[in-house]
Amino acid sequence: MGDLAASSKTLDDDEAHFGAPKAPLTKEDTLFVLPQNHCAVIALTTASSQWQRDNEGVEIALDYARADIAWRYANITLTPNDFEKLQTLERTIINIIRRPDEQQTEFGVTLKL
């Protein structure tokens, strides 16, 4: 809704119900990436729509064939070291999704730069 949304108690209640922050994010909430990890993080965010999903819509792995198309269009070339880091990020995301001690209200992980 962005700038078009008006102040609404219903909208505020819905946002609170789903865990939205009460105040807009500040610069202090910025994600910092070490330079040596930058290529892997960019590759992951570029291919963020290329996840394979199970029957319930839960991400289980990146589809590397489709991700490779996204990377080629974005002119991203992964070295073996960058690909290893990308796979580490992928496994980390999958472990977060599958964490048994946390009940998720919706599936998916979004990483913004």
PDB file of N, CA and C in Angstrom:
ATOM      1  N   MET A   1       0.828  -1.192   0.000  1.00  0.00           N
ATOM      2  CA  MET A   1       0.000   0.000   0.000  1.00  0.00           C
ATOM      3  C   MET A   1       0.867   1.249   0.000  1.00  0.00           C
ATOM      4  N   GLY A   2       1.969   1.200   0.699  1.00  0.00           N
ATOM      5  CA  GLY A   2       2.945   2.280   0.667  1.00  0.00           C
ATOM      6  C   GLY A   2       2.353   3.635   0.982  1.00  0.00           C
ATOM      7  N   ASP A   3       2.687   4.615   0.145  1.00  0.00           N
ATOM      8  CA  ASP A   3       2.250   5.988   0.368  1.00  0.00           C
ATOM      9  C   ASP A   3       0.751   6.167   0.188  1.00  0.00           C
ATOM     10  N   LEU A   4       0.102   5.219  -0.480  1.00  0.00           N
ATOM     11  CA  LEU A   4      -1.328   5.356  -0.728  1.00  0.00           C
ATOM     12  C   LEU A   4      -2.170   4.939   0.472  1.00  0.00           C
ATOM     13  N   ALA A   5      -1.563   4.262   1.440  1.00  0.00           N
ATOM     14  CA  ALA A   5      -2.314   3.799   2.599  1.00  0.00           C
ATOM     15  C   ALA A   5      -2.609   4.963   3.539  1.00  0.00           C
ATOM     16  N   ALA A   6      -3.832   4.997   3.985  1.00  0.00           N
ATOM     17  CA  ALA A   6      -4.226   6.007   4.968  1.00  0.00           C
ATOM     18  C   ALA A   6      -4.110   5.395   6.357  1.00  0.00           C
ATOM     19  N   SER A   7      -4.113   6.244   7.359  1.00  0.00           N
ATOM     20  CA  SER A   7      -4.100   5.722   8.722  1.00  0.00           C
ATOM     21  C   SER A   7      -5.371   4.925   8.938  1.00  0.00           C
ATOM     22  N   SER A   8      -5.202   3.697   9.416  1.00  0.00           N
ATOM     23  CA  SER A   8      -6.342   2.822   9.586  1.00  0.00           C
ATOM     24  C   SER A   8      -6.099   1.930  10.789  1.00  0.00           C
ATOM     25  N   LYS A   9      -7.034   1.929  11.745  1.00  0.00           N
ATOM     26  CA  LYS A   9      -6.923   1.064  12.909  1.00  0.00           C
ATOM     27  C   LYS A   9      -6.934  -0.398  12.483  1.00  0.00           C
ATOM     28  N   THR A  10      -7.767  -0.734  11.516  1.00  0.00           N
ATOM     29  CA  THR A  10      -7.835  -2.116  11.030  1.00  0.00           C
ATOM     30  C   THR A  10      -6.498  -2.542  10.448  1.00  0.00           C
ATOM     31  N   LEU A  11      -5.917  -1.691   9.621  1.00  0.00           N
ATOM     32  CA  LEU A  11      -4.618  -2.002   9.017  1.00  0.00           C
ATOM     33  C   LEU A  11      -3.542  -2.108  10.092  1.00  0.00           C
ATOM     34  N   ASP A  12      -3.548  -1.183  11.056  1.00  0.00           N
ATOM     35  CA  ASP A  12      -2.571  -1.230  12.144  1.00  0.00           C
ATOM     36  C   ASP A  12      -2.715  -2.516  12.958  1.00  0.00           C
ATOM     37  N   ASP A  13      -3.962  -2.928  13.239  1.00  0.00           N
ATOM     38  CA  ASP A  13      -4.198  -4.165  13.990  1.00  0.00           C
ATOM     39  C   ASP A  13      -3.707  -5.379  13.205  1.00  0.00           C
ATOM     40  N   ASP A  14      -3.972  -5.398  11.899  1.00  0.00           N
ATOM     41  CA  ASP A  14      -3.530  -6.508  11.064  1.00  0.00           C
ATOM     42  C   ASP A  14      -2.005  -6.578  11.025  1.00  0.00           C
ATOM     43  N   GLU A  15      -1.361  -5.437  10.879  1.00  0.00           N
ATOM     44  CA  GLU A  15       0.097  -5.413  10.842  1.00  0.00           C
ATOM     45  C   GLU A  15       0.674  -5.904  12.173  1.00  0.00           C
ATOM     46  N   ALA A  16       0.087  -5.485  13.268  1.00  0.00           N
ATOM     47  CA  ALA A  16       0.554  -5.924  14.586  1.00  0.00           C
ATOM     48  C   ALA A  16       0.354  -7.431  14.748  1.00  0.00           C
ATOM     49  N   HIS A  17      -0.773  -7.933  14.266  1.00  0.00           N
ATOM     50  CA  HIS A  17      -1.054  -9.362  14.358  1.00  0.00           C
ATOM     51  C   HIS A  17       0.015 -10.194  13.649  1.00  0.00           C
ATOM     52  N   PHE A  18       0.486  -9.714  12.494  1.00  0.00           N
ATOM     53  CA  PHE A  18       1.473 -10.465  11.721  1.00  0.00           C
ATOM     54  C   PHE A  18       2.905 -10.069  12.042  1.00  0.00           C
ATOM     55  N   GLY A  19       3.107  -9.297  13.104  1.00  0.00           N
ATOM     56  CA  GLY A  19       4.454  -9.014  13.580  1.00  0.00           C
ATOM     57  C   GLY A  19       5.174  -7.888  12.871  1.00  0.00           C
ATOM     58  N   ALA A  20       4.456  -7.019  12.205  1.00  0.00           N
ATOM     59  CA  ALA A  20       5.103  -5.889  11.533  1.00  0.00           C
ATOM     60  C   ALA A  20       5.669  -4.928  12.577  1.00  0.00           C
ATOM     61  N   PRO A  21       6.794  -4.297  12.265  1.00  0.00           N
ATOM     62  CA  PRO A  21       7.340  -3.339  13.227  1.00  0.00           C
ATOM     63  C   PRO A  21       6.390  -2.165  13.411  1.00  0.00           C
ATOM     64  N   LYS A  22       6.371  -1.631  14.632  1.00  0.00           N
ATOM     65  CA  LYS A  22       5.473  -0.501  14.916  1.00  0.00           C
ATOM     66  C   LYS A  22       5.975   0.795  14.298  1.00  0.00           C
ATOM     67  N   ALA A  23       7.288   0.907  14.179  1.00  0.00           N
ATOM     68  CA  ALA A  23       7.873   2.111  13.586  1.00  0.00           C
ATOM     69  C   ALA A  23       8.653   1.716  12.335  1.00  0.00           C
ATOM     70  N   PRO A  24       8.787   2.631  11.399  1.00  0.00           N
ATOM     71  CA  PRO A  24       9.571   2.310  10.200  1.00  0.00           C
ATOM     72  C   PRO A  24      11.011   1.948  10.578  1.00  0.00           C
ATOM     73  N   LEU A  25      11.609   1.087   9.772  1.00  0.00           N
ATOM     74  CA  LEU A  25      12.990   0.694  10.011  1.00  0.00           C
ATOM     75  C   LEU A  25      13.906   1.901   9.839  1.00  0.00           C
ATOM     76  N   THR A  26      14.945   1.935  10.640  1.00  0.00           N
ATOM     77  CA  THR A  26      15.903   3.033  10.549  1.00  0.00           C
ATOM     78  C   THR A  26      17.182   2.535   9.894  1.00  0.00           C
ATOM     79  N   LYS A  27      18.095   3.450   9.658  1.00  0.00           N
ATOM     80  CA  LYS A  27      19.373   3.071   9.068  1.00  0.00           C
ATOM     81  C   LYS A  27      20.127   2.076   9.941  1.00  0.00           C
ATOM     82  N   GLU A  28      19.878   2.079  11.226  1.00  0.00           N
ATOM     83  CA  GLU A  28      20.550   1.154  12.125  1.00  0.00           C
ATOM     84  C   GLU A  28      20.139  -0.284  11.865  1.00  0.00           C
ATOM     85  N   ASP A  29      19.031  -0.502  11.142  1.00  0.00           N
ATOM     86  CA  ASP A  29      18.551  -1.841  10.832  1.00  0.00           C
ATOM     87  C   ASP A  29      19.112  -2.348   9.499  1.00  0.00           C
ATOM     88  N   THR A  30      20.150  -1.720   9.007  1.00  0.00           N
ATOM     89  CA  THR A  30      20.739  -2.070   7.726  1.00  0.00           C
ATOM     90  C   THR A  30      21.590  -3.333   7.859  1.00  0.00           C
ATOM     91  N   LEU A  31      21.531  -4.166   6.843  1.00  0.00           N
ATOM     92  CA  LEU A  31      22.356  -5.365   6.793  1.00  0.00           C
ATOM     93  C   LEU A  31      23.695  -5.013   6.160  1.00  0.00           C
ATOM     94  N   PHE A  32      24.776  -5.313   6.860  1.00  0.00           N
ATOM     95  CA  PHE A  32      26.109  -5.074   6.328  1.00  0.00           C
ATOM     96  C   PHE A  32      26.692  -6.399   5.886  1.00  0.00           C
ATOM     97  N   VAL A  33      27.295  -6.404   4.714  1.00  0.00           N
ATOM     98  CA  VAL A  33      27.883  -7.607   4.139  1.00  0.00           C
ATOM     99  C   VAL A  33      29.371  -7.365   3.947  1.00  0.00           C
ATOM    100  N   LEU A  34      30.165  -8.321   4.403  1.00  0.00           N
ATOM    101  CA  LEU A  34      31.604  -8.212   4.201  1.00  0.00           C
ATOM    102  C   LEU A  34      31.910  -8.267   2.707  1.00  0.00           C
ATOM    103  N   PRO A  35      32.907  -7.510   2.253  1.00  0.00           N
ATOM    104  CA  PRO A  35      33.221  -7.477   0.812  1.00  0.00           C
ATOM    105  C   PRO A  35      33.459  -8.863   0.213  1.00  0.00           C
ATOM    106  N   GLN A  36      34.097  -9.756   0.952  1.00  0.00           N
ATOM    107  CA  GLN A  36      34.388 -11.084   0.412  1.00  0.00           C
ATOM    108  C   GLN A  36      33.137 -11.947   0.256  1.00  0.00           C
ATOM    109  N   ASN A  37      32.016 -11.537   0.868  1.00  0.00           N
ATOM    110  CA  ASN A  37      30.757 -12.278   0.760  1.00  0.00           C
ATOM    111  C   ASN A  37      29.753 -11.600  -0.171  1.00  0.00           C
ATOM    112  N   HIS A  38      30.104 -10.449  -0.683  1.00  0.00           N
ATOM    113  CA  HIS A  38      29.168  -9.632  -1.453  1.00  0.00           C
ATOM    114  C   HIS A  38      28.611 -10.367  -2.670  1.00  0.00           C
ATOM    115  N   CYS A  39      29.445 -11.023  -3.448  1.00  0.00           N
ATOM    116  CA  CYS A  39      28.989 -11.706  -4.663  1.00  0.00           C
ATOM    117  C   CYS A  39      27.974 -12.803  -4.327  1.00  0.00           C
ATOM    118  N   ALA A  40      28.219 -13.575  -3.289  1.00  0.00           N
ATOM    119  CA  ALA A  40      27.304 -14.649  -2.899  1.00  0.00           C
ATOM    120  C   ALA A  40      25.958 -14.082  -2.446  1.00  0.00           C
ATOM    121  N   VAL A  41      25.985 -12.992  -1.705  1.00  0.00           N
ATOM    122  CA  VAL A  41      24.735 -12.376  -1.228  1.00  0.00           C
ATOM    123  C   VAL A  41      23.943 -11.795  -2.406  1.00  0.00           C
ATOM    124  N   ILE A  42      24.634 -11.133  -3.317  1.00  0.00           N
ATOM    125  CA  ILE A  42      23.960 -10.585  -4.505  1.00  0.00           C
ATOM    126  C   ILE A  42      23.373 -11.719  -5.341  1.00  0.00           C
ATOM    127  N   ALA A  43      24.115 -12.806  -5.496  1.00  0.00           N
ATOM    128  CA  ALA A  43      23.613 -13.955  -6.260  1.00  0.00           C
ATOM    129  C   ALA A  43      22.367 -14.532  -5.605  1.00  0.00           C
ATOM    130  N   LEU A  44      22.375 -14.642  -4.288  1.00  0.00           N
ATOM    131  CA  LEU A  44      21.213 -15.175  -3.572  1.00  0.00           C
ATOM    132  C   LEU A  44      19.999 -14.267  -3.730  1.00  0.00           C
ATOM    133  N   THR A  45      20.183 -12.979  -3.576  1.00  0.00           N
ATOM    134  CA  THR A  45      19.047 -12.065  -3.699  1.00  0.00           C
ATOM    135  C   THR A  45      18.547 -11.995  -5.140  1.00  0.00           C
ATOM    136  N   THR A  46      19.449 -12.121  -6.100  1.00  0.00           N
ATOM    137  CA  THR A  46      19.036 -12.100  -7.509  1.00  0.00           C
ATOM    138  C   THR A  46      18.198 -13.330  -7.836  1.00  0.00           C
ATOM    139  N   ALA A  47      18.547 -14.464  -7.245  1.00  0.00           N
ATOM    140  CA  ALA A  47      17.831 -15.715  -7.513  1.00  0.00           C
ATOM    141  C   ALA A  47      16.756 -16.001  -6.469  1.00  0.00           C
ATOM    142  N   SER A  48      16.334 -15.001  -5.733  1.00  0.00           N
ATOM    143  CA  SER A  48      15.401 -15.229  -4.620  1.00  0.00           C
ATOM    144  C   SER A  48      14.044 -15.763  -5.059  1.00  0.00           C
ATOM    145  N   SER A  49      13.705 -15.616  -6.335  1.00  0.00           N
ATOM    146  CA  SER A  49      12.424 -16.151  -6.815  1.00  0.00           C
ATOM    147  C   SER A  49      12.590 -17.540  -7.438  1.00  0.00           C
ATOM    148  N   GLN A  50      13.774 -18.120  -7.318  1.00  0.00           N
ATOM    149  CA  GLN A  50      14.054 -19.394  -7.980  1.00  0.00           C
ATOM    150  C   GLN A  50      14.166 -20.572  -7.007  1.00  0.00           C
ATOM    151  N   TRP A  51      13.409 -20.522  -5.927  1.00  0.00           N
ATOM    152  CA  TRP A  51      13.430 -21.608  -4.952  1.00  0.00           C
ATOM    153  C   TRP A  51      12.546 -22.754  -5.424  1.00  0.00           C
ATOM    154  N   GLN A  52      13.010 -23.982  -5.178  1.00  0.00           N
ATOM    155  CA  GLN A  52      12.142 -25.152  -5.335  1.00  0.00           C
ATOM    156  C   GLN A  52      11.315 -25.234  -4.062  1.00  0.00           C
ATOM    157  N   ARG A  53      10.057 -25.581  -4.209  1.00  0.00           N
ATOM    158  CA  ARG A  53       9.158 -25.632  -3.052  1.00  0.00           C
ATOM    159  C   ARG A  53       8.537 -27.018  -2.945  1.00  0.00           C
ATOM    160  N   ASP A  54       8.205 -27.393  -1.705  1.00  0.00           N
ATOM    161  CA  ASP A  54       7.506 -28.664  -1.514  1.00  0.00           C
ATOM    162  C   ASP A  54       6.016 -28.456  -1.764  1.00  0.00           C
ATOM    163  N   ASN A  55       5.219 -29.478  -1.513  1.00  0.00           N
ATOM    164  CA  ASN A  55       3.775 -29.396  -1.789  1.00  0.00           C
ATOM    165  C   ASN A  55       3.054 -28.354  -0.951  1.00  0.00           C
ATOM    166  N   GLU A  56       3.664 -27.941   0.159  1.00  0.00           N
ATOM    167  CA  GLU A  56       3.041 -26.945   1.025  1.00  0.00           C
ATOM    168  C   GLU A  56       3.584 -25.542   0.759  1.00  0.00           C
ATOM    169  N   GLY A  57       4.438 -25.407  -0.232  1.00  0.00           N
ATOM    170  CA  GLY A  57       4.976 -24.090  -0.584  1.00  0.00           C
ATOM    171  C   GLY A  57       6.196 -23.672   0.216  1.00  0.00           C
ATOM    172  N   VAL A  58       6.813 -24.596   0.943  1.00  0.00           N
ATOM    173  CA  VAL A  58       7.981 -24.279   1.754  1.00  0.00           C
ATOM    174  C   VAL A  58       9.235 -24.444   0.893  1.00  0.00           C
ATOM    175  N   GLU A  59      10.115 -23.464   0.967  1.00  0.00           N
ATOM    176  CA  GLU A  59      11.349 -23.525   0.202  1.00  0.00           C
ATOM    177  C   GLU A  59      12.194 -24.700   0.668  1.00  0.00           C
ATOM    178  N   ILE A  60      12.703 -25.504  -0.286  1.00  0.00           N
ATOM    179  CA  ILE A  60      13.544 -26.636   0.087  1.00  0.00           C
ATOM    180  C   ILE A  60      14.949 -26.514  -0.501  1.00  0.00           C
ATOM    181  N   ALA A  61      15.111 -25.768  -1.588  1.00  0.00           N
ATOM    182  CA  ALA A  61      16.434 -25.595  -2.194  1.00  0.00           C
ATOM    183  C   ALA A  61      16.323 -24.605  -3.347  1.00  0.00           C
ATOM    184  N   LEU A  62      17.429 -23.990  -3.683  1.00  0.00           N
ATOM    185  CA  LEU A  62      17.458 -23.167  -4.880  1.00  0.00           C
ATOM    186  C   LEU A  62      17.462 -24.071  -6.102  1.00  0.00           C
ATOM    187  N   ASP A  63      16.755 -23.675  -7.129  1.00  0.00           N
ATOM    188  CA  ASP A  63      16.809 -24.386  -8.405  1.00  0.00           C
ATOM    189  C   ASP A  63      17.954 -23.740  -9.189  1.00  0.00           C
ATOM    190  N   TYR A  64      19.111 -24.401  -9.197  1.00  0.00           N
ATOM    191  CA  TYR A  64      20.310 -23.797  -9.776  1.00  0.00           C
ATOM    192  C   TYR A  64      20.195 -23.564 -11.276  1.00  0.00           C
ATOM    193  N   ALA A  65      19.448 -24.400 -11.978  1.00  0.00           N
ATOM    194  CA  ALA A  65      19.285 -24.195 -13.416  1.00  0.00           C
ATOM    195  C   ALA A  65      18.553 -22.878 -13.690  1.00  0.00           C
ATOM    196  N   ARG A  66      17.471 -22.637 -12.961  1.00  0.00           N
ATOM    197  CA  ARG A  66      16.737 -21.371 -13.138  1.00  0.00           C
ATOM    198  C   ARG A  66      17.509 -20.204 -12.547  1.00  0.00           C
ATOM    199  N   ALA A  67      18.190 -20.431 -11.419  1.00  0.00           N
ATOM    200  CA  ALA A  67      18.982 -19.366 -10.804  1.00  0.00           C
ATOM    201  C   ALA A  67      20.094 -18.921 -11.747  1.00  0.00           C
ATOM    202  N   ASP A  68      20.682 -19.883 -12.466  1.00  0.00           N
ATOM    203  CA  ASP A  68      21.758 -19.553 -13.401  1.00  0.00           C
ATOM    204  C   ASP A  68      21.273 -18.593 -14.482  1.00  0.00           C
ATOM    205  N   ILE A  69      20.042 -18.753 -14.925  1.00  0.00           N
ATOM    206  CA  ILE A  69      19.473 -17.830 -15.915  1.00  0.00           C
ATOM    207  C   ILE A  69      19.385 -16.430 -15.321  1.00  0.00           C
ATOM    208  N   ALA A  70      18.901 -16.330 -14.087  1.00  0.00           N
ATOM    209  CA  ALA A  70      18.813 -15.021 -13.421  1.00  0.00           C
ATOM    210  C   ALA A  70      20.200 -14.403 -13.283  1.00  0.00           C
ATOM    211  N   TRP A  71      21.197 -15.221 -12.914  1.00  0.00           N
ATOM    212  CA  TRP A  71      22.554 -14.709 -12.743  1.00  0.00           C
ATOM    213  C   TRP A  71      23.137 -14.238 -14.061  1.00  0.00           C
ATOM    214  N   ARG A  72      22.857 -14.978 -15.142  1.00  0.00           N
ATOM    215  CA  ARG A  72      23.382 -14.543 -16.453  1.00  0.00           C
ATOM    216  C   ARG A  72      22.762 -13.214 -16.868  1.00  0.00           C
ATOM    217  N   TYR A  73      21.451 -13.060 -16.672  1.00  0.00           N
ATOM    218  CA  TYR A  73      20.804 -11.791 -17.016  1.00  0.00           C
ATOM    219  C   TYR A  73      21.323 -10.635 -16.164  1.00  0.00           C
ATOM    220  N   ALA A  74      21.688 -10.940 -14.929  1.00  0.00           N
ATOM    221  CA  ALA A  74      22.216  -9.905 -14.029  1.00  0.00           C
ATOM    222  C   ALA A  74      23.737  -9.747 -14.161  1.00  0.00           C
ATOM    223  N   ASN A  75      24.329 -10.517 -15.070  1.00  0.00           N
ATOM    224  CA  ASN A  75      25.773 -10.460 -15.310  1.00  0.00           C
ATOM    225  C   ASN A  75      26.571 -10.797 -14.049  1.00  0.00           C
ATOM    226  N   ILE A  76      26.136 -11.846 -13.347  1.00  0.00           N
ATOM    227  CA  ILE A  76      26.812 -12.308 -12.133  1.00  0.00           C
ATOM    228  C   ILE A  76      27.560 -13.591 -12.465  1.00  0.00           C
ATOM    229  N   THR A  77      28.851 -13.597 -12.226  1.00  0.00           N
ATOM    230  CA  THR A  77      29.669 -14.787 -12.428  1.00  0.00           C
ATOM    231  C   THR A  77      30.169 -15.261 -11.069  1.00  0.00           C
ATOM    232  N   LEU A  78      29.827 -16.487 -10.729  1.00  0.00           N
ATOM    233  CA  LEU A  78      30.222 -17.049  -9.437  1.00  0.00           C
ATOM    234  C   LEU A  78      31.493 -17.871  -9.597  1.00  0.00           C
ATOM    235  N   THR A  79      32.462 -17.591  -8.751  1.00  0.00           N
ATOM    236  CA  THR A  79      33.645 -18.441  -8.668  1.00  0.00           C
ATOM    237  C   THR A  79      33.276 -19.657  -7.817  1.00  0.00           C
ATOM    238  N   PRO A  80      34.073 -20.711  -7.837  1.00  0.00           N
ATOM    239  CA  PRO A  80      33.778 -21.839  -6.944  1.00  0.00           C
ATOM    240  C   PRO A  80      33.671 -21.412  -5.476  1.00  0.00           C
ATOM    241  N   ASN A  81      34.507 -20.480  -5.055  1.00  0.00           N
ATOM    242  CA  ASN A  81      34.456 -19.987  -3.677  1.00  0.00           C
ATOM    243  C   ASN A  81      33.145 -19.237  -3.414  1.00  0.00           C
ATOM    244  N   ASP A  82      32.714 -18.403  -4.364  1.00  0.00           N
ATOM    245  CA  ASP A  82      31.442 -17.682  -4.214  1.00  0.00           C
ATOM    246  C   ASP A  82      30.266 -18.661  -4.180  1.00  0.00           C
ATOM    247  N   PHE A  83      30.326 -19.700  -5.014  1.00  0.00           N
ATOM    248  CA  PHE A  83      29.249 -20.683  -5.043  1.00  0.00           C
ATOM    249  C   PHE A  83      29.167 -21.436  -3.712  1.00  0.00           C
ATOM    250  N   GLU A  84      30.309 -21.735  -3.124  1.00  0.00           N
ATOM    251  CA  GLU A  84      30.334 -22.391  -1.822  1.00  0.00           C
ATOM    252  C   GLU A  84      29.679 -21.502  -0.757  1.00  0.00           C
ATOM    253  N   LYS A  85      29.969 -20.209  -0.812  1.00  0.00           N
ATOM    254  CA  LYS A  85      29.352 -19.268   0.133  1.00  0.00           C
ATOM    255  C   LYS A  85      27.848 -19.168  -0.107  1.00  0.00           C
ATOM    256  N   LEU A  86      27.437 -19.171  -1.372  1.00  0.00           N
ATOM    257  CA  LEU A  86      26.019 -19.152  -1.716  1.00  0.00           C
ATOM    258  C   LEU A  86      25.315 -20.376  -1.133  1.00  0.00           C
ATOM    259  N   GLN A  87      25.936 -21.536  -1.255  1.00  0.00           N
ATOM    260  CA  GLN A  87      25.337 -22.749  -0.702  1.00  0.00           C
ATOM    261  C   GLN A  87      25.264 -22.693   0.824  1.00  0.00           C
ATOM    262  N   THR A  88      26.238 -22.081   1.456  1.00  0.00           N
ATOM    263  CA  THR A  88      26.187 -21.906   2.908  1.00  0.00           C
ATOM    264  C   THR A  88      25.000 -21.022   3.288  1.00  0.00           C
ATOM    265  N   LEU A  89      24.796 -19.947   2.552  1.00  0.00           N
ATOM    266  CA  LEU A  89      23.639 -19.078   2.801  1.00  0.00           C
ATOM    267  C   LEU A  89      22.335 -19.847   2.578  1.00  0.00           C
ATOM    268  N   GLU A  90      22.282 -20.616   1.514  1.00  0.00           N
ATOM    269  CA  GLU A  90      21.088 -21.399   1.203  1.00  0.00           C
ATOM    270  C   GLU A  90      20.777 -22.382   2.337  1.00  0.00           C
ATOM    271  N   ARG A  91      21.782 -23.120   2.803  1.00  0.00           N
ATOM    272  CA  ARG A  91      21.565 -24.067   3.905  1.00  0.00           C
ATOM    273  C   ARG A  91      21.138 -23.346   5.178  1.00  0.00           C
ATOM    274  N   THR A  92      21.699 -22.178   5.416  1.00  0.00           N
ATOM    275  CA  THR A  92      21.324 -21.398   6.603  1.00  0.00           C
ATOM    276  C   THR A  92      19.857 -20.996   6.539  1.00  0.00           C
ATOM    277  N   ILE A  93      19.428 -20.538   5.382  1.00  0.00           N
ATOM    278  CA  ILE A  93      18.026 -20.141   5.207  1.00  0.00           C
ATOM    279  C   ILE A  93      17.110 -21.344   5.411  1.00  0.00           C
ATOM    280  N   ILE A  94      17.467 -22.475   4.829  1.00  0.00           N
ATOM    281  CA  ILE A  94      16.647 -23.678   4.976  1.00  0.00           C
ATOM    282  C   ILE A  94      16.583 -24.100   6.440  1.00  0.00           C
ATOM    283  N   ASN A  95      17.700 -24.018   7.149  1.00  0.00           N
ATOM    284  CA  ASN A  95      17.692 -24.362   8.575  1.00  0.00           C
ATOM    285  C   ASN A  95      16.817 -23.414   9.376  1.00  0.00           C
ATOM    286  N   ILE A  96      16.800 -22.147   9.029  1.00  0.00           N
ATOM    287  CA  ILE A  96      15.936 -21.179   9.719  1.00  0.00           C
ATOM    288  C   ILE A  96      14.472 -21.518   9.459  1.00  0.00           C
ATOM    289  N   ILE A  97      14.151 -21.848   8.220  1.00  0.00           N
ATOM    290  CA  ILE A  97      12.766 -22.192   7.872  1.00  0.00           C
ATOM    291  C   ILE A  97      12.322 -23.448   8.606  1.00  0.00           C
ATOM    292  N   ARG A  98      13.210 -24.407   8.735  1.00  0.00           N
ATOM    293  CA  ARG A  98      12.866 -25.705   9.317  1.00  0.00           C
ATOM    294  C   ARG A  98      13.030 -25.768  10.829  1.00  0.00           C
ATOM    295  N   ARG A  99      13.401 -24.682  11.469  1.00  0.00           N
ATOM    296  CA  ARG A  99      13.630 -24.695  12.909  1.00  0.00           C
ATOM    297  C   ARG A  99      12.390 -25.179  13.642  1.00  0.00           C
ATOM    298  N   PRO A 100      12.492 -26.276  14.389  1.00  0.00           N
ATOM    299  CA  PRO A 100      11.303 -26.823  15.043  1.00  0.00           C
ATOM    300  C   PRO A 100      10.824 -26.010  16.239  1.00  0.00           C
ATOM    301  N   ASP A 101      11.692 -25.178  16.817  1.00  0.00           N
ATOM    302  CA  ASP A 101      11.304 -24.444  18.017  1.00  0.00           C
ATOM    303  C   ASP A 101      10.581 -23.140  17.709  1.00  0.00           C
ATOM    304  N   GLU A 102      10.422 -22.829  16.434  1.00  0.00           N
ATOM    305  CA  GLU A 102       9.757 -21.579  16.068  1.00  0.00           C
ATOM    306  C   GLU A 102       8.576 -21.884  15.150  1.00  0.00           C
ATOM    307  N   GLN A 103       7.435 -21.374  15.500  1.00  0.00           N
ATOM    308  CA  GLN A 103       6.253 -21.513  14.667  1.00  0.00           C
ATOM    309  C   GLN A 103       6.210 -20.325  13.725  1.00  0.00           C
ATOM    310  N   GLN A 104       6.186 -20.598  12.440  1.00  0.00           N
ATOM    311  CA  GLN A 104       6.129 -19.505  11.475  1.00  0.00           C
ATOM    312  C   GLN A 104       4.685 -19.250  11.081  1.00  0.00           C
ATOM    313  N   THR A 105       4.351 -17.971  10.929  1.00  0.00           N
ATOM    314  CA  THR A 105       3.002 -17.640  10.485  1.00  0.00           C
ATOM    315  C   THR A 105       2.909 -17.715   8.967  1.00  0.00           C
ATOM    316  N   GLU A 106       4.025 -17.540   8.276  1.00  0.00           N
ATOM    317  CA  GLU A 106       4.041 -17.685   6.829  1.00  0.00           C
ATOM    318  C   GLU A 106       5.426 -18.148   6.421  1.00  0.00           C
ATOM    319  N   PHE A 107       5.508 -18.796   5.283  1.00  0.00           N
ATOM    320  CA  PHE A 107       6.757 -19.352   4.834  1.00  0.00           C
ATOM    321  C   PHE A 107       7.489 -18.364   3.937  1.00  0.00           C
ATOM    322  N   GLY A 108       8.783 -18.482   3.903  1.00  0.00           N
ATOM    323  CA  GLY A 108       9.596 -17.663   3.026  1.00  0.00           C
ATOM    324  C   GLY A 108      10.552 -16.822   3.809  1.00  0.00           C
ATOM    325  N   VAL A 109      11.643 -16.531   3.159  1.00  0.00           N
ATOM    326  CA  VAL A 109      12.657 -15.680   3.737  1.00  0.00           C
ATOM    327  C   VAL A 109      12.994 -14.630   2.718  1.00  0.00           C
ATOM    328  N   THR A 110      13.027 -13.387   3.143  1.00  0.00           N
ATOM    329  CA  THR A 110      13.375 -12.308   2.250  1.00  0.00           C
ATOM    330  C   THR A 110      14.615 -11.620   2.779  1.00  0.00           C
ATOM    331  N   LEU A 111      15.544 -11.427   1.910  1.00  0.00           N
ATOM    332  CA  LEU A 111      16.793 -10.765   2.259  1.00  0.00           C
ATOM    333  C   LEU A 111      16.902  -9.532   1.385  1.00  0.00           C
ATOM    334  N   LYS A 112      16.896  -8.357   1.993  1.00  0.00           N
ATOM    335  CA  LYS A 112      16.995  -7.113   1.233  1.00  0.00           C
ATOM    336  C   LYS A 112      18.339  -6.471   1.480  1.00  0.00           C
ATOM    337  N   LEU A 113      18.878  -5.896   0.458  1.00  0.00           N
ATOM    338  CA  LEU A 113      20.130  -5.145   0.576  1.00  0.00           C
ATOM    339  C   LEU A 113      19.836  -3.678   0.544  1.00  0.00           C
TER     340      LEU A 113
END
